[in-house]
Protein backbone atom coordinates (compact mmCIF):
# COMPACT_ATOMS: atom_id res chain seq x y z
CA UNK A 1 10.64 59.24 43.41
CA UNK A 2 13.90 57.61 42.30
CA UNK A 3 14.59 56.48 45.84
CA UNK A 4 11.18 54.77 46.09
CA UNK A 5 11.71 52.94 42.78
CA UNK A 6 15.21 51.86 43.81
CA UNK A 7 13.97 50.70 47.21
CA UNK A 8 11.07 48.78 45.66
CA UNK A 9 13.37 47.14 43.10
CA UNK A 10 15.84 46.23 45.85
CA UNK A 11 13.11 44.63 47.94
CA UNK A 12 11.82 42.62 44.98
CA UNK A 13 15.32 41.31 44.24
CA UNK A 14 15.85 40.40 47.91
CA UNK A 15 12.55 38.48 48.01
CA UNK A 16 13.37 36.61 44.80
CA UNK A 17 16.88 35.72 45.92
CA UNK A 18 15.62 34.71 49.37
CA UNK A 19 12.95 32.51 47.79
CA UNK A 20 15.49 30.76 45.59
CA UNK A 21 18.18 30.23 48.22
CA UNK A 22 16.25 30.15 51.50
CA UNK A 23 15.68 26.85 53.26
CA UNK A 24 12.06 27.50 54.16
CA UNK A 25 9.89 24.98 55.94
CA UNK A 26 8.34 22.02 54.25
CA UNK A 27 4.62 21.68 54.72
CA UNK A 28 3.49 18.92 57.03
CA UNK A 29 1.61 16.00 55.49
CA UNK A 30 0.51 12.42 56.19
CA UNK A 31 2.70 9.47 55.13
CA UNK A 32 2.05 5.74 55.36
CA UNK A 33 5.28 4.27 56.71
CA UNK A 34 7.14 1.18 57.78
CA UNK A 35 8.80 1.63 61.17
CA UNK A 36 12.50 0.77 60.87
CA UNK A 37 13.43 1.51 64.48
CA UNK A 38 12.45 3.43 67.59
CA UNK A 39 13.86 4.24 70.98
CA UNK A 40 14.93 6.82 73.53
CA UNK A 41 17.94 9.03 72.89
CA UNK A 42 20.91 9.39 75.22
CA UNK A 43 20.06 13.04 75.83
CA UNK A 44 17.15 15.11 77.04
CA UNK A 45 15.88 15.23 73.44
CA UNK A 46 13.39 12.44 74.15
CA UNK A 47 13.03 9.74 71.52
CA UNK A 48 13.57 9.08 67.85
CA UNK A 49 11.66 6.99 65.32
CA UNK A 50 13.10 5.79 62.01
CA UNK A 51 10.57 5.55 59.19
CA UNK A 52 10.43 4.58 55.52
CA UNK A 53 7.68 6.00 53.32
CA UNK A 54 5.80 3.19 51.54
CA UNK A 55 4.87 5.30 48.48
CA UNK A 56 6.42 4.50 45.12
CA UNK A 57 8.83 6.24 44.94
CA UNK A 58 9.33 6.85 48.68
CA UNK A 59 9.72 10.42 49.92
CA UNK A 60 12.28 9.12 52.47
CA UNK A 61 13.92 5.87 53.54
CA UNK A 62 15.07 4.98 57.06
CA UNK A 63 14.68 8.67 57.94
CA UNK A 64 15.26 9.72 61.55
CA UNK A 65 12.38 11.69 63.10
CA UNK A 66 12.15 13.35 66.49
CA UNK A 67 8.95 13.11 68.50
CA UNK A 68 7.45 15.58 70.98
CA UNK A 69 9.25 15.01 74.29
CA UNK A 70 6.01 15.36 76.25
CA UNK A 71 4.47 12.43 74.32
CA UNK A 72 7.56 10.30 73.66
CA UNK A 73 6.18 7.28 75.58
CA UNK A 74 2.96 7.21 73.54
CA UNK A 75 4.80 7.62 70.22
CA UNK A 76 7.27 4.87 71.15
CA UNK A 77 4.42 2.55 72.17
CA UNK A 78 2.81 2.91 68.72
CA UNK A 79 6.15 2.51 66.90
CA UNK A 80 7.17 -0.56 68.93
CA UNK A 81 3.76 -2.17 68.42
CA UNK A 82 4.09 -1.61 64.67
CA UNK A 83 7.53 -3.26 64.71
CA UNK A 84 6.41 -6.23 66.80
CA UNK A 85 3.28 -6.83 64.68
CA UNK A 86 4.86 -6.03 61.29
CA UNK A 87 2.28 -3.29 60.71
CA UNK A 88 2.50 0.13 59.10
CA UNK A 89 1.82 3.50 60.69
CA UNK A 90 0.30 6.69 59.44
CA UNK A 91 2.61 9.57 60.43
CA UNK A 92 2.03 13.32 60.19
CA UNK A 93 5.36 15.03 59.67
CA UNK A 94 7.35 17.78 58.03
CA UNK A 95 10.51 17.21 56.03
CA UNK A 96 12.46 20.34 56.92
CA UNK A 97 15.87 20.44 55.31
CA UNK A 98 18.82 20.93 57.63
CA UNK A 99 17.06 19.69 60.77
CA UNK A 100 15.76 16.40 62.08
CA UNK A 101 12.10 16.33 60.98
CA UNK A 102 9.40 15.95 63.62
CA UNK A 103 6.50 13.49 63.74
CA UNK A 104 3.59 15.29 65.39
CA UNK A 105 1.00 12.47 65.12
CA UNK A 106 1.29 8.73 64.59
CA UNK A 107 -1.39 6.06 64.23
CA UNK A 108 -1.14 2.28 63.95
CA UNK A 109 -2.72 1.05 60.70
CA UNK A 110 -5.25 -1.77 60.68
CA UNK A 111 -4.11 -4.96 58.99
C-alpha cells in the first residue's frame, strides 16, 4: 500500500513539474495580420512569411512563420498580393515556443 501511495504521489509531482516547466504546444488560432515580407528560403525548407498581428496589443510583430512546403507557392502568392495591394491577411497559426511557428492557412482580406 505504501508503494502505491508513493508511486501516485511521485506521478502527481512529475505531472505538476512538467506542466510548469514543459514547453507544450500553443493552440492554433486565427490572426488578422499585416504581411511584412515573404519569400523562398535558401534551403529545402520551402518559404517563410513575416507577419505582424494587427490586434492591440499585437500577439507578435514581424514574426517569421514557415509555410507547408507542398503549398509554398500558393501561400507566397497570397502574401505577395497582400504586400503589393497593401492589404491584410487572415492567418491560422500556432505560436510554439522554441520553434519557428507554422501558418497552415492564409486568406487575403477584402478591402
